[in-house]
Amino acid sequence: MKHTEGQLGTDPGDSTDLLRITQILPTADGIQLEWASVEGKRFNVQSSTTAEPGSWEAINSQAIEADGTTTGFIAPLSDDQMVLFRAVVRP
């Protein structure tokens, strides 16, 4: 999914200002994901086992609204299968 710098809320003049998952921690409930964000932006967390186009599925039912420079979500895990995650900006 492609977004412009304006949609993401990042600074096109700063190569270090980008949307990326910054922390992944195991918890009793799944995997805690944290990413750099901009206050007021809304996100979906998606997962895939292959990263193929069309294989990504949203795993949160409600938008996650950023209230600061870091946003987090606990992604549930169902088995030992490898899972990839990404955070995407919702319109």
C-alpha atoms as a PDB file:
ATOM      1  CA  MET A   1       0.000   0.000   0.000  1.00  0.00           C
ATOM      2  CA  LYS A   2       1.583   3.290  -1.091  1.00  0.00           C
ATOM      3  CA  HIS A   3       1.007   6.573   0.738  1.00  0.00           C
ATOM      4  CA  THR A   4       2.324  10.090   0.229  1.00  0.00           C
ATOM      5  CA  GLU A   5       4.388  11.828   2.913  1.00  0.00           C
ATOM      6  CA  GLY A   6       1.365  14.039   3.675  1.00  0.00           C
ATOM      7  CA  GLN A   7      -0.903  11.061   4.317  1.00  0.00           C
ATOM      8  CA  LEU A   8       1.677   9.485   6.604  1.00  0.00           C
ATOM      9  CA  GLY A   9       2.466  12.740   8.398  1.00  0.00           C
ATOM     10  CA  THR A  10       6.197  12.307   7.819  1.00  0.00           C
ATOM     11  CA  ASP A  11       8.726  14.930   6.717  1.00  0.00           C
ATOM     12  CA  PRO A  12       9.866  14.383   3.112  1.00  0.00           C
ATOM     13  CA  GLY A  13      13.055  16.328   3.881  1.00  0.00           C
ATOM     14  CA  ASP A  14      14.080  13.998   6.735  1.00  0.00           C
ATOM     15  CA  SER A  15      15.218  10.523   5.680  1.00  0.00           C
ATOM     16  CA  THR A  16      14.891   9.260   9.280  1.00  0.00           C
ATOM     17  CA  ASP A  17      11.219  10.312   9.570  1.00  0.00           C
ATOM     18  CA  LEU A  18       9.310   7.282   8.310  1.00  0.00           C
ATOM     19  CA  LEU A  19       6.584   4.845   9.279  1.00  0.00           C
ATOM     20  CA  ARG A  20       8.154   1.656  10.616  1.00  0.00           C
ATOM     21  CA  ILE A  21       7.632  -0.814  13.412  1.00  0.00           C
ATOM     22  CA  THR A  22      10.230   0.084  16.034  1.00  0.00           C
ATOM     23  CA  GLN A  23       9.670  -2.564  18.697  1.00  0.00           C
ATOM     24  CA  ILE A  24       8.422  -6.155  18.799  1.00  0.00           C
ATOM     25  CA  LEU A  25       8.035  -7.821  22.196  1.00  0.00           C
ATOM     26  CA  PRO A  26       6.476 -11.166  23.154  1.00  0.00           C
ATOM     27  CA  THR A  27       3.678 -10.959  25.738  1.00  0.00           C
ATOM     28  CA  ALA A  28       1.332 -13.458  27.339  1.00  0.00           C
ATOM     29  CA  ASP A  29      -1.390 -12.314  24.906  1.00  0.00           C
ATOM     30  CA  GLY A  30       0.632 -12.244  21.668  1.00  0.00           C
ATOM     31  CA  ILE A  31       3.180  -9.846  20.219  1.00  0.00           C
ATOM     32  CA  GLN A  32       3.393  -6.178  21.295  1.00  0.00           C
ATOM     33  CA  LEU A  33       4.097  -4.030  18.222  1.00  0.00           C
ATOM     34  CA  GLU A  34       5.114  -0.372  18.477  1.00  0.00           C
ATOM     35  CA  TRP A  35       5.722   2.078  15.665  1.00  0.00           C
ATOM     36  CA  ALA A  36       6.649   5.710  15.176  1.00  0.00           C
ATOM     37  CA  SER A  37       3.516   7.719  14.506  1.00  0.00           C
ATOM     38  CA  VAL A  38       2.003  11.167  14.261  1.00  0.00           C
ATOM     39  CA  GLU A  39      -0.741  12.264  16.657  1.00  0.00           C
ATOM     40  CA  GLY A  40      -4.196  12.005  15.101  1.00  0.00           C
ATOM     41  CA  LYS A  41      -3.258   9.493  12.399  1.00  0.00           C
ATOM     42  CA  ARG A  42      -5.298   6.284  12.341  1.00  0.00           C
ATOM     43  CA  PHE A  43      -3.784   2.874  11.668  1.00  0.00           C
ATOM     44  CA  ASN A  44      -4.620  -0.715  10.854  1.00  0.00           C
ATOM     45  CA  VAL A  45      -2.279  -3.537  11.774  1.00  0.00           C
ATOM     46  CA  GLN A  46      -2.108  -6.187   9.076  1.00  0.00           C
ATOM     47  CA  SER A  47      -0.609  -9.665   9.042  1.00  0.00           C
ATOM     48  CA  SER A  48       0.475 -12.097   6.366  1.00  0.00           C
ATOM     49  CA  THR A  49       2.293 -15.417   6.288  1.00  0.00           C
ATOM     50  CA  THR A  50       3.791 -14.761   2.838  1.00  0.00           C
ATOM     51  CA  ALA A  51       3.983 -10.963   2.209  1.00  0.00           C
ATOM     52  CA  GLU A  52       2.547 -11.625  -1.253  1.00  0.00           C
ATOM     53  CA  PRO A  53       0.328  -8.884  -2.700  1.00  0.00           C
ATOM     54  CA  GLY A  54      -3.255  -9.503  -1.635  1.00  0.00           C
ATOM     55  CA  SER A  55      -2.246 -11.690   1.320  1.00  0.00           C
ATOM     56  CA  TRP A  56      -2.314  -8.933   3.973  1.00  0.00           C
ATOM     57  CA  GLU A  57      -5.322  -8.941   6.322  1.00  0.00           C
ATOM     58  CA  ALA A  58      -6.292  -6.381   8.968  1.00  0.00           C
ATOM     59  CA  ILE A  59      -6.175  -7.896  12.441  1.00  0.00           C
ATOM     60  CA  ASN A  60      -7.718  -4.985  14.347  1.00  0.00           C
ATOM     61  CA  SER A  61     -11.451  -4.325  14.036  1.00  0.00           C
ATOM     62  CA  GLN A  62     -11.301  -0.680  15.124  1.00  0.00           C
ATOM     63  CA  ALA A  63      -8.888   1.973  13.874  1.00  0.00           C
ATOM     64  CA  ILE A  64      -5.937   2.570  16.177  1.00  0.00           C
ATOM     65  CA  GLU A  65      -5.627   6.337  16.646  1.00  0.00           C
ATOM     66  CA  ALA A  66      -2.205   7.711  17.474  1.00  0.00           C
ATOM     67  CA  ASP A  67      -2.127   9.962  20.517  1.00  0.00           C
ATOM     68  CA  GLY A  68       1.592  10.716  20.370  1.00  0.00           C
ATOM     69  CA  THR A  69       4.834   9.884  18.596  1.00  0.00           C
ATOM     70  CA  THR A  70       4.610   6.147  19.364  1.00  0.00           C
ATOM     71  CA  THR A  71       1.621   3.859  18.910  1.00  0.00           C
ATOM     72  CA  GLY A  72       1.234   0.241  19.960  1.00  0.00           C
ATOM     73  CA  PHE A  73      -0.964  -2.806  19.511  1.00  0.00           C
ATOM     74  CA  ILE A  74      -0.901  -6.384  20.812  1.00  0.00           C
ATOM     75  CA  ALA A  75      -1.242  -8.763  17.881  1.00  0.00           C
ATOM     76  CA  PRO A  76      -2.636 -12.180  18.809  1.00  0.00           C
ATOM     77  CA  LEU A  77      -0.784 -15.324  17.742  1.00  0.00           C
ATOM     78  CA  SER A  78      -2.642 -18.538  17.050  1.00  0.00           C
ATOM     79  CA  ASP A  79       0.132 -21.079  16.406  1.00  0.00           C
ATOM     80  CA  ASP A  80       3.851 -21.482  15.704  1.00  0.00           C
ATOM     81  CA  GLN A  81       3.552 -20.360  12.084  1.00  0.00           C
ATOM     82  CA  MET A  82       5.721 -17.440  10.970  1.00  0.00           C
ATOM     83  CA  VAL A  83       3.681 -14.246  10.711  1.00  0.00           C
ATOM     84  CA  LEU A  84       4.680 -10.887   9.244  1.00  0.00           C
ATOM     85  CA  PHE A  85       3.149  -7.625  10.480  1.00  0.00           C
ATOM     86  CA  ARG A  86       2.806  -4.119   9.144  1.00  0.00           C
ATOM     87  CA  ALA A  87       1.086  -0.929  10.258  1.00  0.00           C
ATOM     88  CA  VAL A  88      -0.740   1.060   7.580  1.00  0.00           C
ATOM     89  CA  VAL A  89      -2.371   4.487   7.708  1.00  0.00           C
ATOM     90  CA  ARG A  90      -6.165   4.485   7.404  1.00  0.00           C
ATOM     91  CA  PRO A  91      -7.764   7.219   5.330  1.00  0.00           C
END
